[in-house]
Protein backbone atom coordinates (compact mmCIF):
# COMPACT_ATOMS: atom_id res chain seq x y z
CA MET A 1 189.84 117.12 67.65
CA GLU A 2 187.17 114.88 65.97
CA LEU A 3 184.20 116.02 65.26
CA GLU A 4 181.26 115.52 67.53
CA LEU A 5 179.02 113.62 64.50
CA LYS A 6 174.66 113.96 65.75
CA ILE A 7 171.09 111.76 64.50
CA TYR A 8 169.12 113.50 61.67
CA ARG A 9 165.72 112.13 60.09
CA LEU A 10 165.09 112.79 56.81
CA VAL A 11 161.28 113.54 56.95
CA PRO A 12 159.43 113.38 53.39
CA THR A 13 157.32 116.83 53.40
CA ALA A 14 156.16 116.76 49.82
CA PRO A 15 153.33 114.63 49.27
CA ALA A 16 153.48 111.80 46.87
CA ASP A 17 151.65 113.84 43.56
CA ASP A 18 153.86 116.65 43.73
CA PRO A 19 155.29 117.09 40.60
CA GLN A 20 159.15 117.90 42.25
CA TRP A 21 159.79 114.74 42.94
CA MET A 22 160.14 114.22 38.72
CA ASP A 23 159.31 110.50 38.70
CA ARG A 24 161.24 109.18 41.36
CA PRO A 25 160.11 107.57 44.00
CA PRO A 26 159.76 109.06 47.09
CA GLN A 27 161.09 107.27 50.18
CA ARG A 28 160.16 106.88 53.67
CA GLU A 29 162.39 108.77 56.44
CA VAL A 30 165.61 108.05 57.30
CA VAL A 31 167.43 107.98 59.97
CA VAL A 32 171.33 109.18 59.73
CA ARG A 33 174.17 109.66 61.93
CA ALA A 34 176.40 113.13 60.28
CA LEU A 35 178.21 116.01 61.86
CA THR A 36 175.22 118.46 59.97
CA THR A 37 172.04 119.11 59.24
CA GLY A 38 173.60 119.61 55.15
CA ASP A 39 176.38 116.37 55.82
CA ALA A 40 172.79 114.24 56.81
CA ARG A 41 170.89 115.31 53.27
CA LEU A 42 174.53 113.84 52.10
CA VAL A 43 175.03 110.45 53.94
CA ALA A 44 171.55 110.34 52.41
CA SER A 45 172.13 111.22 48.92
CA GLU A 46 175.08 108.55 48.72
CA ALA A 47 173.62 106.09 49.67
CA GLU A 48 171.64 105.90 46.55
CA LEU A 49 172.50 104.64 43.76
CA ASP A 50 175.13 106.36 41.66
CA PHE A 51 174.86 106.32 37.77
CA THR A 52 178.48 105.89 37.89
CA ASP A 53 177.79 103.00 39.86
CA THR A 54 175.85 101.18 37.33
CA ASP A 55 176.10 100.18 33.28
CA ALA A 56 172.55 102.81 32.60
CA LYS A 57 173.77 106.14 30.53
CA PRO A 58 175.70 108.54 31.35
CA ALA A 59 177.80 106.01 33.55
CA GLU A 60 181.16 107.65 31.61
CA GLY A 61 182.06 110.05 34.46
CA ASN A 62 178.46 111.80 34.79
CA SER A 63 177.11 111.95 38.49
CA THR A 64 173.83 111.79 39.23
CA GLU A 65 174.32 112.32 43.27
CA MET A 66 173.76 115.55 42.55
CA ALA A 67 169.95 115.15 41.72
CA SER A 68 168.68 112.93 44.54
CA SER A 69 165.45 113.91 46.01
CA PHE A 70 167.02 114.02 50.17
CA ARG A 71 168.95 117.25 48.72
CA SER A 72 166.05 119.52 48.27
CA GLU A 73 164.75 121.06 50.92
CA LYS A 74 161.48 121.68 49.38
CA LEU A 75 161.02 117.54 49.53
CA TYR A 76 162.84 116.44 52.62
CA THR A 77 163.08 118.31 55.58
CA VAL A 78 166.07 117.40 58.86
CA ILE A 79 165.32 117.31 61.67
CA GLU A 80 167.82 116.11 64.57
CA ASP A 81 166.59 113.56 66.58
CA ASP A 82 167.79 113.55 70.50
CA SER A 83 164.84 111.39 71.71
CA GLY A 84 168.25 108.95 72.48
CA ARG A 85 167.08 105.76 70.41
CA TYR A 86 170.13 105.80 68.35
CA VAL A 87 173.09 106.66 69.39
CA ALA A 88 175.48 108.97 67.95
CA ASP A 89 178.71 106.98 68.13
CA GLY A 90 179.95 105.16 65.09
CA PRO A 91 179.98 105.78 61.89
CA ARG A 92 178.44 108.40 59.77
CA GLY A 93 175.62 106.22 57.59
CA VAL A 94 172.53 105.54 57.12
CA VAL A 95 171.31 104.01 60.45
CA ASP A 96 167.61 103.82 59.69
CA GLY A 97 165.26 103.52 57.17
CA SER A 98 166.32 102.18 54.11
CA VAL A 99 167.24 103.90 51.01
CA ARG A 100 166.22 102.97 47.70
CA ARG A 101 168.28 101.59 44.63
CA ASP A 102 165.75 101.43 42.53
CA THR A 103 165.71 104.93 41.20
CA ILE A 104 167.84 103.84 38.18
CA ALA A 105 167.33 101.20 35.86
CA PRO A 106 170.87 100.02 34.29
CA VAL A 107 170.63 99.34 30.77
CA GLU A 108 169.88 95.54 29.24
CA SER A 109 172.49 93.37 27.77
CA GLY A 110 171.86 94.11 24.19
CA ARG A 111 169.66 97.10 24.49
CA GLY A 112 171.44 100.78 23.71
CA LEU A 113 170.18 103.71 23.88
């Protein structure tokens, strides 16, 4: 039995000056194809740049995926989108909107921490 994917919108709910953003830039609404609302948060967070994808410290196997703002219920709400604007058939992933990839700065060559 194949699991049915649905369309979900991740909508920021906290104001840009909310301290819970913790110096992470707020992102705009993102639309994903996922299994559940929880999986929608995972899909969005997996699209972000992770420390293990860069030469930034601590790149030695320490993932920052759990720190994604998309995982916070205080920063984003997840809404099932049944408007028909997007088809649920297709691969699990980001369907619309852009996930920022500049939330982690790589270490500049020659400048260690």
